[in-house]
Amino acid sequence: MPPMTKPPLARVMIATLVATLAIPLVAADIVLTEEQVDAIASQTTVVIGQGLQKGDIEAQREWNPGSGTIVARSGDRYYVLTALHVVRTRDTVYGVRTNDGEVHLVDDVNTHRNIYPLGREADEFGETINGLDLAVVEFESDRNYPIAVMGDSATMSPGEPIFVSGWPTPDNFDARRVRVTETGELTAMFPPADDGGYSLLYSNETRRGMSGGPVFNAAGELIGVHGRGRAIDQTYCLDPQLSERNSCGIQTVHFINRAMAQGLILKFAEPPVDLEMIATGLAARDDADTIEDIYALFTFDLSTLLRDGPSGGCGSLLLDDNCEGF
């Protein structure tokens, strides 16, 4: 990934997205059941993976999809928050699988305007990240998808419930995938680490494939992004001893601050969570949370897509071109 430079503010502001980032984040006064939080997670958690071509799986080429959360919308444009390392490969086509089973294409070949990094890999293999291990991914759809409600981790204390949602990769790489919500509790909060901005430690057991997935509080509000599991050997984030028994993530309050500093203007959903989202999630979880064949779902005719598909434009996060009406 080439070094990220901060573009002029005027170029990254999109007129239809001009709204304050200073949303009222207050202490949650609603406590939901585990099942209700899981229903919210079911509606807002997505799978993000590179597009496959026929023969890729048979050739045993490495393929590591991750997770993400829908956090904003403007018209037909949706914005997904995920971990930077989930979309670290550039100049390719990604797919975003939403709760209705649809896969929405993200072209990062014809344009680099659909993936907005909030950090930069400091070495060839992405083992260290300057800034935040976060990225925003844009896709287009005329369908109505729920948006996660933004919460405030600063109001939380160690011992409070934490819920991490994501799409784990089976150890045998089976084609069938099932979304899960792992429960646990907040262990500690630190200042953002130099490597990736990690600052949350929680007891939830997480697995490969859940990176980039949402971290919810007991009110069903998004307070973090999961990025790393428990420490392996000398690889850990934040405190080495605590990391042996805890997973770690990045607080969304730090995401909001970083986005503001980089001129990324998004309008977020405010608390409380819409009860209709919970009801819909409870009714639709069986279909939303199961993928029978993820390899088939993400296999695209990439050559045709790149030739015939749209290449960004005025609806993109990074606006470098002069567009009429903007």
Protein backbone atom coordinates (compact mmCIF):
# COMPACT_ATOMS: atom_id res chain seq x y z
CA MET A 1 0.00 0.00 0.00
CA PRO A 2 1.46 3.39 -0.95
CA PRO A 3 1.95 5.93 1.86
CA MET A 4 -1.26 7.76 2.65
CA THR A 5 -1.23 11.51 2.24
CA LYS A 6 -3.80 13.82 3.70
CA PRO A 7 -5.83 15.32 0.83
CA PRO A 8 -7.11 18.91 0.97
CA LEU A 9 -10.24 19.13 3.06
CA ALA A 10 -12.25 20.68 0.25
CA ARG A 11 -11.60 17.66 -1.92
CA VAL A 12 -12.83 15.03 0.47
CA MET A 13 -16.03 16.69 1.61
CA ILE A 14 -19.08 15.38 -0.20
CA ALA A 15 -21.98 17.81 -0.23
CA THR A 16 -24.59 15.18 0.57
CA LEU A 17 -22.56 14.02 3.56
CA VAL A 18 -21.88 17.37 5.15
CA ALA A 19 -23.00 16.87 8.74
CA THR A 20 -21.48 17.20 12.16
CA LEU A 21 -19.32 14.42 13.55
CA ALA A 22 -19.99 15.64 17.06
CA ILE A 23 -23.00 13.40 17.71
CA PRO A 24 -24.33 13.30 21.25
CA LEU A 25 -22.67 10.27 22.82
CA VAL A 26 -24.23 9.70 26.21
CA ALA A 27 -24.10 6.91 28.74
CA ALA A 28 -26.30 4.00 27.72
CA ASP A 29 -29.42 3.78 29.88
CA ILE A 30 -30.84 0.77 28.03
CA VAL A 31 -29.72 -2.77 28.78
CA LEU A 32 -30.61 -5.33 26.13
CA THR A 33 -30.55 -9.10 26.32
CA GLU A 34 -27.76 -11.05 24.65
CA GLU A 35 -30.29 -12.21 22.04
CA GLN A 36 -31.32 -8.62 21.26
CA VAL A 37 -27.74 -7.44 20.82
CA ASP A 38 -27.12 -10.44 18.58
CA ALA A 39 -30.11 -9.42 16.47
CA ILE A 40 -28.62 -5.95 16.01
CA ALA A 41 -25.28 -7.50 15.09
CA SER A 42 -27.02 -9.76 12.57
CA GLN A 43 -28.49 -6.75 10.78
CA THR A 44 -25.36 -4.60 10.66
CA THR A 45 -22.39 -7.01 10.37
CA VAL A 46 -21.04 -7.71 6.87
CA VAL A 47 -18.48 -10.00 5.27
CA ILE A 48 -15.70 -8.31 3.28
CA GLY A 49 -13.56 -10.37 0.93
CA GLN A 50 -11.61 -10.14 -2.28
CA GLY A 51 -13.41 -11.26 -5.40
CA LEU A 52 -12.46 -14.76 -6.50
CA GLN A 53 -12.05 -16.05 -10.02
CA LYS A 54 -12.85 -19.57 -11.17
CA GLY A 55 -10.06 -21.90 -10.14
CA ASP A 56 -8.72 -19.78 -7.26
CA ILE A 57 -9.97 -22.13 -4.55
CA GLU A 58 -8.91 -25.26 -6.41
CA ALA A 59 -5.45 -23.73 -6.76
CA GLN A 60 -5.45 -23.19 -2.98
CA ARG A 61 -4.65 -19.51 -3.25
CA GLU A 62 -4.76 -17.70 0.06
CA TRP A 63 -8.09 -16.02 0.74
CA ASN A 64 -8.86 -14.41 4.09
CA PRO A 65 -12.19 -12.58 4.26
CA GLY A 66 -12.95 -10.38 7.24
CA SER A 67 -15.89 -8.63 8.84
CA GLY A 68 -17.20 -5.07 9.06
CA THR A 69 -20.09 -2.87 10.18
CA ILE A 70 -22.38 -0.56 8.23
CA VAL A 71 -21.98 2.80 9.99
CA ALA A 72 -23.33 5.46 7.62
CA ARG A 73 -25.45 6.07 4.56
CA SER A 74 -25.98 8.86 2.05
CA GLY A 75 -28.60 8.13 -0.58
CA ASP A 76 -27.57 4.90 -2.29
CA ARG A 77 -24.07 4.98 -0.83
CA TYR A 78 -23.27 2.94 2.27
CA TYR A 79 -20.12 3.14 4.38
CA VAL A 80 -18.64 0.14 6.17
CA LEU A 81 -16.13 0.41 9.00
CA THR A 82 -13.58 -2.41 9.12
CA ALA A 83 -9.97 -3.13 10.00
CA LEU A 84 -7.33 -1.78 7.64
CA HIS A 85 -5.65 -5.17 7.43
CA VAL A 86 -8.90 -6.71 6.11
CA VAL A 87 -8.56 -4.59 2.94
CA ARG A 88 -4.76 -4.32 2.88
CA THR A 89 -4.54 -5.71 -0.69
CA ARG A 90 -5.18 -2.89 -3.13
CA ASP A 91 -5.85 -2.82 -6.88
CA THR A 92 -8.41 -5.58 -6.68
CA VAL A 93 -12.18 -6.03 -6.45
CA TYR A 94 -13.79 -6.62 -3.06
CA GLY A 95 -17.25 -7.86 -2.22
CA VAL A 96 -19.38 -6.77 0.74
CA ARG A 97 -22.00 -9.33 1.75
CA THR A 98 -24.97 -7.76 3.56
CA ASN A 99 -27.63 -9.36 5.76
CA ASP A 100 -29.95 -10.10 2.81
CA GLY A 101 -27.32 -12.31 1.16
CA GLU A 102 -26.41 -9.79 -1.53
CA VAL A 103 -22.77 -9.17 -2.43
CA HIS A 104 -21.98 -5.56 -3.38
CA LEU A 105 -18.87 -4.94 -5.47
CA VAL A 106 -16.14 -2.49 -4.46
CA ASP A 107 -13.86 -1.64 -7.39
CA ASP A 108 -10.35 -0.81 -6.21
CA VAL A 109 -8.78 -1.31 -9.64
CA ASN A 110 -10.28 1.46 -11.76
CA THR A 111 -10.41 3.80 -8.78
CA HIS A 112 -8.95 4.04 -5.28
CA ARG A 113 -11.85 6.16 -4.07
CA ASN A 114 -13.98 3.41 -2.52
CA ILE A 115 -11.59 2.41 0.27
CA TYR A 116 -10.48 5.12 2.68
CA PRO A 117 -7.64 4.07 5.01
CA LEU A 118 -7.27 5.65 8.45
CA GLY A 119 -3.78 4.28 8.96
CA ARG A 120 -0.75 3.16 6.97
CA GLU A 121 1.19 -0.08 7.01
CA ALA A 122 4.72 0.60 8.19
CA ASP A 123 6.29 -2.49 6.65
CA GLU A 124 5.82 -4.85 3.73
CA PHE A 125 3.65 -7.39 5.54
CA GLY A 126 1.50 -5.00 7.56
CA GLU A 127 2.79 -6.20 10.91
CA THR A 128 2.92 -2.62 12.20
CA ILE A 129 0.39 0.12 11.40
CA ASN A 130 0.93 3.83 11.83
CA GLY A 131 -2.34 5.50 12.79
CA LEU A 132 -5.47 3.39 13.19
CA ASP A 133 -5.91 -0.16 11.93
CA LEU A 134 -9.17 0.99 10.37
CA ALA A 135 -10.62 1.68 6.94
CA VAL A 136 -13.95 2.84 5.55
CA VAL A 137 -15.29 0.94 2.53
CA GLU A 138 -18.01 2.38 0.29
CA PHE A 139 -20.55 0.40 -1.72
CA GLU A 140 -23.71 1.37 -3.59
CA SER A 141 -27.20 -0.11 -3.29
CA ASP A 142 -30.79 1.10 -3.56
CA ARG A 143 -31.82 -1.33 -0.81
CA ASN A 144 -32.50 -0.28 2.75
CA TYR A 145 -29.86 -1.61 5.16
CA PRO A 146 -29.77 -0.87 8.90
CA ILE A 147 -27.00 1.35 10.29
CA ALA A 148 -25.21 0.57 13.54
CA VAL A 149 -25.82 3.14 16.28
CA MET A 150 -22.64 4.85 17.46
CA GLY A 151 -21.92 4.62 21.20
CA ASP A 152 -19.33 5.95 23.62
CA SER A 153 -16.85 3.61 25.30
CA ALA A 154 -15.70 6.41 27.62
CA THR A 155 -18.82 5.82 29.71
CA MET A 156 -17.90 2.16 30.32
CA SER A 157 -16.02 0.48 33.16
CA PRO A 158 -14.13 -2.82 33.36
CA GLY A 159 -16.46 -5.74 33.95
CA GLU A 160 -19.29 -4.43 31.78
CA PRO A 161 -20.66 -6.73 29.03
CA ILE A 162 -19.03 -6.68 25.59
CA PHE A 163 -20.36 -8.35 22.42
CA VAL A 164 -18.15 -9.01 19.38
CA SER A 165 -19.78 -10.00 16.09
CA GLY A 166 -18.10 -11.47 13.03
CA TRP A 167 -17.77 -14.23 10.47
CA PRO A 168 -15.13 -16.71 11.73
CA THR A 169 -13.21 -18.86 9.27
CA PRO A 170 -13.49 -22.58 10.13
CA ASP A 171 -10.24 -24.38 10.83
CA ASN A 172 -10.88 -26.65 7.84
CA PHE A 173 -11.78 -23.64 5.62
CA ASP A 174 -15.19 -25.18 4.96
CA ALA A 175 -17.32 -23.28 2.43
CA ARG A 176 -20.21 -22.97 4.90
CA ARG A 177 -19.90 -19.94 7.17
CA VAL A 178 -22.00 -18.82 10.14
CA ARG A 179 -21.90 -15.42 11.80
CA VAL A 180 -21.45 -15.45 15.56
CA THR A 181 -21.64 -13.02 18.47
CA GLU A 182 -19.08 -13.81 21.15
CA THR A 183 -19.91 -12.53 24.64
CA GLY A 184 -17.46 -11.35 27.28
CA GLU A 185 -16.64 -8.31 29.33
CA LEU A 186 -14.49 -5.22 29.14
CA THR A 187 -11.12 -5.87 30.76
CA ALA A 188 -9.31 -2.56 30.36
CA MET A 189 -9.02 0.60 28.29
CA PHE A 190 -5.69 2.20 27.38
CA PRO A 191 -4.58 5.24 25.39
CA PRO A 192 -4.34 4.33 21.68
CA ALA A 193 -1.27 2.19 20.99
CA ASP A 194 1.34 3.38 18.50
CA ASP A 195 0.74 0.23 16.49
CA GLY A 196 -2.77 0.43 15.05
CA GLY A 197 -4.39 2.60 17.71
CA TYR A 198 -5.60 -0.36 19.76
CA SER A 199 -7.04 0.65 23.12
CA LEU A 200 -9.70 -1.88 24.15
CA LEU A 201 -9.10 -5.22 25.85
CA TYR A 202 -12.01 -7.64 26.33
CA SER A 203 -12.34 -11.25 27.42
CA ASN A 204 -14.33 -12.41 24.37
CA GLU A 205 -12.86 -15.35 22.49
CA THR A 206 -12.45 -14.34 18.87
CA ARG A 207 -11.33 -16.21 15.78
CA ARG A 208 -9.78 -15.58 12.40
CA GLY A 209 -12.27 -13.90 10.06
CA MET A 210 -13.80 -11.75 12.80
CA SER A 211 -11.27 -8.95 12.29
CA GLY A 212 -13.02 -5.71 11.45
CA GLY A 213 -16.24 -6.83 13.12
CA PRO A 214 -18.27 -4.67 15.50
CA VAL A 215 -17.84 -4.46 19.27
CA PHE A 216 -21.14 -3.59 20.99
CA ASN A 217 -22.04 -2.52 24.51
CA ALA A 218 -25.08 -3.76 26.45
CA ALA A 219 -27.27 -1.13 24.77
CA GLY A 220 -26.46 -2.52 21.33
CA GLU A 221 -24.32 0.50 20.45
CA LEU A 222 -21.10 0.29 18.47
CA ILE A 223 -18.19 1.19 20.76
CA GLY A 224 -15.29 -0.51 18.98
CA VAL A 225 -13.89 -2.45 16.05
CA HIS A 226 -12.34 -5.85 16.70
CA GLY A 227 -8.87 -6.29 15.26
CA ARG A 228 -6.75 -8.87 17.04
CA GLY A 229 -7.28 -12.03 19.02
CA ARG A 230 -5.44 -13.27 22.08
CA ALA A 231 -1.65 -13.10 22.10
CA ILE A 232 0.32 -15.83 20.37
CA ASP A 233 3.97 -16.25 21.36
CA GLN A 234 5.42 -12.73 21.45
CA THR A 235 2.69 -11.21 19.30
CA TYR A 236 0.35 -9.09 21.39
CA CYS A 237 -1.33 -5.72 21.52
CA LEU A 238 -1.31 -3.40 24.52
CA ASP A 239 -0.37 -5.15 27.80
CA PRO A 240 1.54 -8.43 27.14
CA GLN A 241 0.13 -10.30 30.15
CA LEU A 242 -3.45 -9.14 29.70
CA SER A 243 -3.25 -9.91 25.98
CA GLU A 244 -2.72 -13.58 26.77
CA ARG A 245 -6.33 -13.80 27.94
CA ASN A 246 -7.98 -10.99 25.99
CA SER A 247 -8.78 -9.86 22.47
CA CYS A 248 -8.32 -6.23 21.48
CA GLY A 249 -10.00 -3.54 19.43
CA ILE A 250 -10.08 0.14 18.56
CA GLN A 251 -12.58 2.50 20.16
CA THR A 252 -15.03 4.19 17.79
CA VAL A 253 -14.50 7.53 19.56
CA HIS A 254 -10.94 7.44 18.21
CA PHE A 255 -12.29 6.55 14.76
CA ILE A 256 -14.57 9.60 14.85
CA ASN A 257 -11.72 11.89 15.89
CA ARG A 258 -9.40 10.51 13.21
CA ALA A 259 -12.05 10.77 10.52
CA MET A 260 -12.70 14.38 11.45
CA ALA A 261 -8.98 15.19 11.36
CA GLN A 262 -8.69 13.67 7.87
CA GLY A 263 -11.73 15.50 6.54
CA LEU A 264 -13.92 12.40 6.22
CA ILE A 265 -17.47 13.61 6.85
CA LEU A 266 -20.08 10.98 7.69
CA LYS A 267 -23.43 11.19 9.42
CA PHE A 268 -23.84 8.52 12.07
CA ALA A 269 -26.96 7.03 13.68
CA GLU A 270 -27.55 8.33 17.20
CA PRO A 271 -28.70 6.37 20.25
CA PRO A 272 -30.96 4.70 21.15
CA VAL A 273 -31.14 1.62 18.93
CA ASP A 274 -34.32 1.32 16.86
CA LEU A 275 -36.48 -1.45 18.34
CA GLU A 276 -37.69 -2.34 14.83
CA MET A 277 -34.12 -3.28 13.93
CA ILE A 278 -34.10 -5.74 16.82
CA ALA A 279 -37.43 -7.26 15.79
CA THR A 280 -36.31 -7.61 12.17
CA GLY A 281 -33.01 -9.11 13.24
CA LEU A 282 -34.68 -11.69 15.48
CA ALA A 283 -36.95 -12.80 12.63
CA ALA A 284 -34.30 -12.91 9.91
CA ARG A 285 -31.22 -14.33 11.67
CA ASP A 286 -31.37 -17.81 10.10
CA ASP A 287 -31.00 -16.42 6.59
CA ALA A 288 -28.82 -13.44 7.50
CA ASP A 289 -26.30 -15.41 9.54
CA THR A 290 -25.61 -18.39 7.27
CA ILE A 291 -23.67 -18.63 4.03
CA GLU A 292 -23.86 -22.09 2.50
CA ASP A 293 -20.94 -21.61 0.07
CA ILE A 294 -18.86 -18.50 0.62
CA TYR A 295 -16.48 -19.39 -2.21
CA ALA A 296 -19.28 -19.53 -4.77
CA LEU A 297 -20.77 -16.32 -3.37
CA PHE A 298 -17.53 -14.38 -3.87
CA THR A 299 -16.54 -15.83 -7.27
CA PHE A 300 -16.93 -13.09 -9.88
CA ASP A 301 -16.07 -12.68 -13.56
CA LEU A 302 -13.59 -9.96 -12.68
CA SER A 303 -12.52 -9.17 -16.23
CA THR A 304 -16.11 -8.41 -17.22
CA LEU A 305 -16.76 -6.44 -14.06
CA LEU A 306 -13.70 -4.25 -14.53
CA ARG A 307 -14.56 -3.63 -18.16
CA ASP A 308 -18.26 -2.85 -17.71
CA GLY A 309 -18.58 -1.71 -14.09
CA PRO A 310 -18.62 1.83 -12.72
CA SER A 311 -15.33 3.35 -11.63
CA GLY A 312 -16.29 5.67 -8.81
CA GLY A 313 -16.87 9.33 -9.54
CA CYS A 314 -18.77 12.01 -7.66
CA GLY A 315 -20.14 9.51 -5.15
CA SER A 316 -16.74 8.52 -3.87
CA LEU A 317 -15.11 9.24 -0.54
CA LEU A 318 -11.98 10.77 -2.04
CA LEU A 319 -13.14 13.38 -4.49
CA ASP A 320 -10.25 14.30 -6.80
CA ASP A 321 -12.26 15.07 -9.93
CA ASN A 322 -14.35 18.14 -10.65
CA CYS A 323 -17.98 17.00 -10.65
CA GLU A 324 -20.94 19.11 -11.66
CA GLY A 325 -23.13 20.10 -8.74
CA PHE A 326 -20.32 19.77 -6.14
